Amino acid sequence: MTKNVGSIDRMLRIVIGAILVALVFYMPDPFSPWGWIGVVPLATGLIGWCPPYSILGINTCSTKS
């Protein structure tokens, strides 16, 4: 797995993912799917690799690693 998510893209994914996961604690419905939806951008931001980017040949990372 080579990194294909750049620094700005990673920061946005981490922030958006963290916000969605945090929404679980503020939603009145305890079975809200927002936490699980937020795990995806959070994980791809932390890892630095996005499977759909690999399939589509997209690379926002400035360096090859």
PDB file of N, CA and C in Angstrom:
ATOM      1  N   MET A   1       0.842  -1.181   0.000  1.00  0.00           N
ATOM      2  CA  MET A   1       0.000   0.000   0.000  1.00  0.00           C
ATOM      3  C   MET A   1       0.883   1.238   0.000  1.00  0.00           C
ATOM      4  N   THR A   2       0.910   1.926  -1.099  1.00  0.00           N
ATOM      5  CA  THR A   2       1.637   3.178  -1.141  1.00  0.00           C
ATOM      6  C   THR A   2       0.680   4.311  -0.780  1.00  0.00           C
ATOM      7  N   LYS A   3       1.201   5.291  -0.130  1.00  0.00           N
ATOM      8  CA  LYS A   3       0.365   6.414   0.291  1.00  0.00           C
ATOM      9  C   LYS A   3      -0.136   7.165  -0.948  1.00  0.00           C
ATOM     10  N   ASN A   4      -1.426   7.474  -0.953  1.00  0.00           N
ATOM     11  CA  ASN A   4      -1.993   8.212  -2.067  1.00  0.00           C
ATOM     12  C   ASN A   4      -2.874   9.370  -1.599  1.00  0.00           C
ATOM     13  N   VAL A   5      -2.795   9.709  -0.323  1.00  0.00           N
ATOM     14  CA  VAL A   5      -3.568  10.808   0.236  1.00  0.00           C
ATOM     15  C   VAL A   5      -2.586  11.870   0.731  1.00  0.00           C
ATOM     16  N   GLY A   6      -2.694  13.081   0.179  1.00  0.00           N
ATOM     17  CA  GLY A   6      -1.798  14.173   0.530  1.00  0.00           C
ATOM     18  C   GLY A   6      -2.105  14.786   1.882  1.00  0.00           C
ATOM     19  N   SER A   7      -1.274  15.739   2.292  1.00  0.00           N
ATOM     20  CA  SER A   7      -1.373  16.297   3.645  1.00  0.00           C
ATOM     21  C   SER A   7      -2.662  17.084   3.871  1.00  0.00           C
ATOM     22  N   ILE A   8      -3.074  17.910   2.930  1.00  0.00           N
ATOM     23  CA  ILE A   8      -4.309  18.673   3.109  1.00  0.00           C
ATOM     24  C   ILE A   8      -5.508  17.735   3.092  1.00  0.00           C
ATOM     25  N   ASP A   9      -5.487  16.791   2.177  1.00  0.00           N
ATOM     26  CA  ASP A   9      -6.547  15.789   2.087  1.00  0.00           C
ATOM     27  C   ASP A   9      -6.630  14.983   3.380  1.00  0.00           C
ATOM     28  N   ARG A  10      -5.492  14.617   3.939  1.00  0.00           N
ATOM     29  CA  ARG A  10      -5.460  13.853   5.196  1.00  0.00           C
ATOM     30  C   ARG A  10      -6.053  14.658   6.340  1.00  0.00           C
ATOM     31  N   MET A  11      -5.660  15.931   6.443  1.00  0.00           N
ATOM     32  CA  MET A  11      -6.174  16.775   7.531  1.00  0.00           C
ATOM     33  C   MET A  11      -7.689  16.910   7.441  1.00  0.00           C
ATOM     34  N   LEU A  12      -8.198  17.134   6.231  1.00  0.00           N
ATOM     35  CA  LEU A  12      -9.641  17.258   6.052  1.00  0.00           C
ATOM     36  C   LEU A  12     -10.362  15.971   6.411  1.00  0.00           C
ATOM     37  N   ARG A  13      -9.807  14.844   6.005  1.00  0.00           N
ATOM     38  CA  ARG A  13     -10.420  13.551   6.325  1.00  0.00           C
ATOM     39  C   ARG A  13     -10.446  13.302   7.829  1.00  0.00           C
ATOM     40  N   ILE A  14      -9.350  13.620   8.503  1.00  0.00           N
ATOM     41  CA  ILE A  14      -9.277  13.406   9.951  1.00  0.00           C
ATOM     42  C   ILE A  14     -10.265  14.302  10.685  1.00  0.00           C
ATOM     43  N   VAL A  15     -10.344  15.569  10.290  1.00  0.00           N
ATOM     44  CA  VAL A  15     -11.262  16.498  10.948  1.00  0.00           C
ATOM     45  C   VAL A  15     -12.712  16.096  10.699  1.00  0.00           C
ATOM     46  N   ILE A  16     -13.054  15.806   9.445  1.00  0.00           N
ATOM     47  CA  ILE A  16     -14.429  15.420   9.127  1.00  0.00           C
ATOM     48  C   ILE A  16     -14.794  14.102   9.811  1.00  0.00           C
ATOM     49  N   GLY A  17     -13.888  13.147   9.791  1.00  0.00           N
ATOM     50  CA  GLY A  17     -14.144  11.868  10.450  1.00  0.00           C
ATOM     51  C   GLY A  17     -14.335  12.033  11.947  1.00  0.00           C
ATOM     52  N   ALA A  18     -13.499  12.848  12.573  1.00  0.00           N
ATOM     53  CA  ALA A  18     -13.615  13.073  14.018  1.00  0.00           C
ATOM     54  C   ALA A  18     -14.929  13.771  14.364  1.00  0.00           C
ATOM     55  N   ILE A  19     -15.338  14.710  13.527  1.00  0.00           N
ATOM     56  CA  ILE A  19     -16.613  15.403  13.768  1.00  0.00           C
ATOM     57  C   ILE A  19     -17.781  14.427  13.666  1.00  0.00           C
ATOM     58  N   LEU A  20     -17.752  13.580  12.643  1.00  0.00           N
ATOM     59  CA  LEU A  20     -18.839  12.613  12.484  1.00  0.00           C
ATOM     60  C   LEU A  20     -18.880  11.603  13.629  1.00  0.00           C
ATOM     61  N   VAL A  21     -17.727  11.171  14.082  1.00  0.00           N
ATOM     62  CA  VAL A  21     -17.697  10.250  15.224  1.00  0.00           C
ATOM     63  C   VAL A  21     -18.192  10.959  16.484  1.00  0.00           C
ATOM     64  N   ALA A  22     -17.824  12.222  16.652  1.00  0.00           N
ATOM     65  CA  ALA A  22     -18.260  12.981  17.829  1.00  0.00           C
ATOM     66  C   ALA A  22     -19.766  13.229  17.812  1.00  0.00           C
ATOM     67  N   LEU A  23     -20.368  13.280  16.626  1.00  0.00           N
ATOM     68  CA  LEU A  23     -21.812  13.490  16.539  1.00  0.00           C
ATOM     69  C   LEU A  23     -22.597  12.386  17.233  1.00  0.00           C
ATOM     70  N   VAL A  24     -22.018  11.209  17.322  1.00  0.00           N
ATOM     71  CA  VAL A  24     -22.698  10.093  17.981  1.00  0.00           C
ATOM     72  C   VAL A  24     -23.036  10.442  19.426  1.00  0.00           C
ATOM     73  N   PHE A  25     -22.166  11.189  20.077  1.00  0.00           N
ATOM     74  CA  PHE A  25     -22.377  11.529  21.478  1.00  0.00           C
ATOM     75  C   PHE A  25     -23.400  12.640  21.666  1.00  0.00           C
ATOM     76  N   TYR A  26     -23.728  13.360  20.591  1.00  0.00           N
ATOM     77  CA  TYR A  26     -24.676  14.466  20.679  1.00  0.00           C
ATOM     78  C   TYR A  26     -26.025  14.158  20.039  1.00  0.00           C
ATOM     79  N   MET A  27     -26.112  13.031  19.352  1.00  0.00           N
ATOM     80  CA  MET A  27     -27.363  12.653  18.706  1.00  0.00           C
ATOM     81  C   MET A  27     -28.271  11.967  19.725  1.00  0.00           C
ATOM     82  N   PRO A  28     -29.562  12.235  19.658  1.00  0.00           N
ATOM     83  CA  PRO A  28     -30.474  11.578  20.598  1.00  0.00           C
ATOM     84  C   PRO A  28     -30.661  10.089  20.305  1.00  0.00           C
ATOM     85  N   ASP A  29     -30.428   9.679  19.069  1.00  0.00           N
ATOM     86  CA  ASP A  29     -30.592   8.275  18.698  1.00  0.00           C
ATOM     87  C   ASP A  29     -29.286   7.528  18.960  1.00  0.00           C
ATOM     88  N   PRO A  30     -29.275   6.551  19.862  1.00  0.00           N
ATOM     89  CA  PRO A  30     -28.022   5.844  20.178  1.00  0.00           C
ATOM     90  C   PRO A  30     -27.542   4.936  19.037  1.00  0.00           C
ATOM     91  N   PHE A  31     -28.386   4.652  18.077  1.00  0.00           N
ATOM     92  CA  PHE A  31     -28.008   3.781  16.969  1.00  0.00           C
ATOM     93  C   PHE A  31     -27.768   4.580  15.686  1.00  0.00           C
ATOM     94  N   SER A  32     -27.331   5.801  15.844  1.00  0.00           N
ATOM     95  CA  SER A  32     -27.057   6.675  14.702  1.00  0.00           C
ATOM     96  C   SER A  32     -25.873   6.140  13.902  1.00  0.00           C
ATOM     97  N   PRO A  33     -25.964   6.128  12.580  1.00  0.00           N
ATOM     98  CA  PRO A  33     -24.883   5.595  11.748  1.00  0.00           C
ATOM     99  C   PRO A  33     -23.719   6.571  11.546  1.00  0.00           C
ATOM    100  N   TRP A  34     -23.821   7.786  12.051  1.00  0.00           N
ATOM    101  CA  TRP A  34     -22.784   8.784  11.789  1.00  0.00           C
ATOM    102  C   TRP A  34     -21.410   8.369  12.293  1.00  0.00           C
ATOM    103  N   GLY A  35     -21.362   7.684  13.406  1.00  0.00           N
ATOM    104  CA  GLY A  35     -20.077   7.232  13.938  1.00  0.00           C
ATOM    105  C   GLY A  35     -19.389   6.254  13.005  1.00  0.00           C
ATOM    106  N   TRP A  36     -20.166   5.307  12.475  1.00  0.00           N
ATOM    107  CA  TRP A  36     -19.587   4.332  11.546  1.00  0.00           C
ATOM    108  C   TRP A  36     -19.212   4.982  10.224  1.00  0.00           C
ATOM    109  N   ILE A  37     -19.998   5.945   9.781  1.00  0.00           N
ATOM    110  CA  ILE A  37     -19.658   6.665   8.552  1.00  0.00           C
ATOM    111  C   ILE A  37     -18.379   7.476   8.768  1.00  0.00           C
ATOM    112  N   GLY A  38     -18.220   8.063   9.941  1.00  0.00           N
ATOM    113  CA  GLY A  38     -17.046   8.875  10.251  1.00  0.00           C
ATOM    114  C   GLY A  38     -15.765   8.067  10.388  1.00  0.00           C
ATOM    115  N   VAL A  39     -15.886   6.778  10.671  1.00  0.00           N
ATOM    116  CA  VAL A  39     -14.697   5.934  10.816  1.00  0.00           C
ATOM    117  C   VAL A  39     -13.948   5.814   9.489  1.00  0.00           C
ATOM    118  N   VAL A  40     -14.667   5.812   8.382  1.00  0.00           N
ATOM    119  CA  VAL A  40     -14.029   5.639   7.067  1.00  0.00           C
ATOM    120  C   VAL A  40     -13.071   6.783   6.744  1.00  0.00           C
ATOM    121  N   PRO A  41     -13.509   8.057   6.752  1.00  0.00           N
ATOM    122  CA  PRO A  41     -12.542   9.121   6.460  1.00  0.00           C
ATOM    123  C   PRO A  41     -11.461   9.244   7.535  1.00  0.00           C
ATOM    124  N   LEU A  42     -11.821   8.960   8.777  1.00  0.00           N
ATOM    125  CA  LEU A  42     -10.831   9.021   9.857  1.00  0.00           C
ATOM    126  C   LEU A  42      -9.730   7.990   9.631  1.00  0.00           C
ATOM    127  N   ALA A  43     -10.110   6.771   9.302  1.00  0.00           N
ATOM    128  CA  ALA A  43      -9.126   5.710   9.082  1.00  0.00           C
ATOM    129  C   ALA A  43      -8.267   5.993   7.845  1.00  0.00           C
ATOM    130  N   THR A  44      -8.890   6.402   6.747  1.00  0.00           N
ATOM    131  CA  THR A  44      -8.108   6.667   5.537  1.00  0.00           C
ATOM    132  C   THR A  44      -7.190   7.867   5.730  1.00  0.00           C
ATOM    133  N   GLY A  45      -7.616   8.823   6.544  1.00  0.00           N
ATOM    134  CA  GLY A  45      -6.752   9.968   6.840  1.00  0.00           C
ATOM    135  C   GLY A  45      -5.571   9.585   7.704  1.00  0.00           C
ATOM    136  N   LEU A  46      -5.797   8.731   8.682  1.00  0.00           N
ATOM    137  CA  LEU A  46      -4.710   8.300   9.562  1.00  0.00           C
ATOM    138  C   LEU A  46      -3.735   7.371   8.851  1.00  0.00           C
ATOM    139  N   ILE A  47      -4.257   6.498   8.008  1.00  0.00           N
ATOM    140  CA  ILE A  47      -3.393   5.557   7.283  1.00  0.00           C
ATOM    141  C   ILE A  47      -2.681   6.238   6.122  1.00  0.00           C
ATOM    142  N   GLY A  48      -3.378   7.160   5.450  1.00  0.00           N
ATOM    143  CA  GLY A  48      -2.789   7.845   4.299  1.00  0.00           C
ATOM    144  C   GLY A  48      -3.006   7.114   2.993  1.00  0.00           C
ATOM    145  N   TRP A  49      -3.899   6.137   3.001  1.00  0.00           N
ATOM    146  CA  TRP A  49      -4.180   5.351   1.799  1.00  0.00           C
ATOM    147  C   TRP A  49      -5.683   5.210   1.636  1.00  0.00           C
ATOM    148  N   CYS A  50      -6.173   5.471   0.435  1.00  0.00           N
ATOM    149  CA  CYS A  50      -7.597   5.389   0.149  1.00  0.00           C
ATOM    150  C   CYS A  50      -7.819   4.385  -0.981  1.00  0.00           C
ATOM    151  N   PRO A  51      -8.553   3.288  -0.720  1.00  0.00           N
ATOM    152  CA  PRO A  51      -8.776   2.276  -1.754  1.00  0.00           C
ATOM    153  C   PRO A  51      -9.407   2.810  -3.042  1.00  0.00           C
ATOM    154  N   PRO A  52     -10.457   3.660  -2.974  1.00  0.00           N
ATOM    155  CA  PRO A  52     -11.010   4.175  -4.229  1.00  0.00           C
ATOM    156  C   PRO A  52      -9.993   5.020  -5.028  1.00  0.00           C
ATOM    157  N   TYR A  53      -9.127   5.737  -4.331  1.00  0.00           N
ATOM    158  CA  TYR A  53      -8.082   6.490  -5.027  1.00  0.00           C
ATOM    159  C   TYR A  53      -7.178   5.537  -5.802  1.00  0.00           C
ATOM    160  N   SER A  54      -6.840   4.401  -5.210  1.00  0.00           N
ATOM    161  CA  SER A  54      -5.990   3.418  -5.885  1.00  0.00           C
ATOM    162  C   SER A  54      -6.670   2.866  -7.126  1.00  0.00           C
ATOM    163  N   ILE A  55      -7.948   2.554  -7.012  1.00  0.00           N
ATOM    164  CA  ILE A  55      -8.695   1.998  -8.145  1.00  0.00           C
ATOM    165  C   ILE A  55      -8.788   3.011  -9.276  1.00  0.00           C
ATOM    166  N   LEU A  56      -9.037   4.268  -8.933  1.00  0.00           N
ATOM    167  CA  LEU A  56      -9.205   5.309  -9.939  1.00  0.00           C
ATOM    168  C   LEU A  56      -7.897   5.942 -10.398  1.00  0.00           C
ATOM    169  N   GLY A  57      -6.790   5.605  -9.754  1.00  0.00           N
ATOM    170  CA  GLY A  57      -5.490   6.151 -10.125  1.00  0.00           C
ATOM    171  C   GLY A  57      -5.263   7.572  -9.658  1.00  0.00           C
ATOM    172  N   ILE A  58      -5.949   7.987  -8.599  1.00  0.00           N
ATOM    173  CA  ILE A  58      -5.811   9.336  -8.053  1.00  0.00           C
ATOM    174  C   ILE A  58      -4.729   9.326  -6.988  1.00  0.00           C
ATOM    175  N   ASN A  59      -3.908  10.366  -6.973  1.00  0.00           N
ATOM    176  CA  ASN A  59      -2.854  10.484  -5.968  1.00  0.00           C
ATOM    177  C   ASN A  59      -2.723  11.945  -5.598  1.00  0.00           C
ATOM    178  N   THR A  60      -3.085  12.310  -4.359  1.00  0.00           N
ATOM    179  CA  THR A  60      -2.944  13.684  -3.905  1.00  0.00           C
ATOM    180  C   THR A  60      -1.695  13.873  -3.060  1.00  0.00           C
ATOM    181  N   CYS A  61      -0.924  12.816  -2.912  1.00  0.00           N
ATOM    182  CA  CYS A  61       0.312  12.856  -2.133  1.00  0.00           C
ATOM    183  C   CYS A  61       1.428  13.407  -3.015  1.00  0.00           C
ATOM    184  N   SER A  62       2.177  14.365  -2.498  1.00  0.00           N
ATOM    185  CA  SER A  62       3.215  14.995  -3.317  1.00  0.00           C
ATOM    186  C   SER A  62       4.472  14.127  -3.443  1.00  0.00           C
ATOM    187  N   THR A  63       4.720  13.274  -2.457  1.00  0.00           N
ATOM    188  CA  THR A  63       5.889  12.404  -2.515  1.00  0.00           C
ATOM    189  C   THR A  63       5.477  10.958  -2.680  1.00  0.00           C
ATOM    190  N   LYS A  64       6.289  10.196  -3.347  1.00  0.00           N
ATOM    191  CA  LYS A  64       6.016   8.769  -3.481  1.00  0.00           C
ATOM    192  C   LYS A  64       6.595   8.042  -2.292  1.00  0.00           C
ATOM    193  N   SER A  65       5.766   7.252  -1.606  1.00  0.00           N
ATOM    194  CA  SER A  65       6.280   6.486  -0.456  1.00  0.00           C
ATOM    195  C   SER A  65       5.695   5.101  -0.459  1.00  0.00           C
TER     196      SER A  65
END
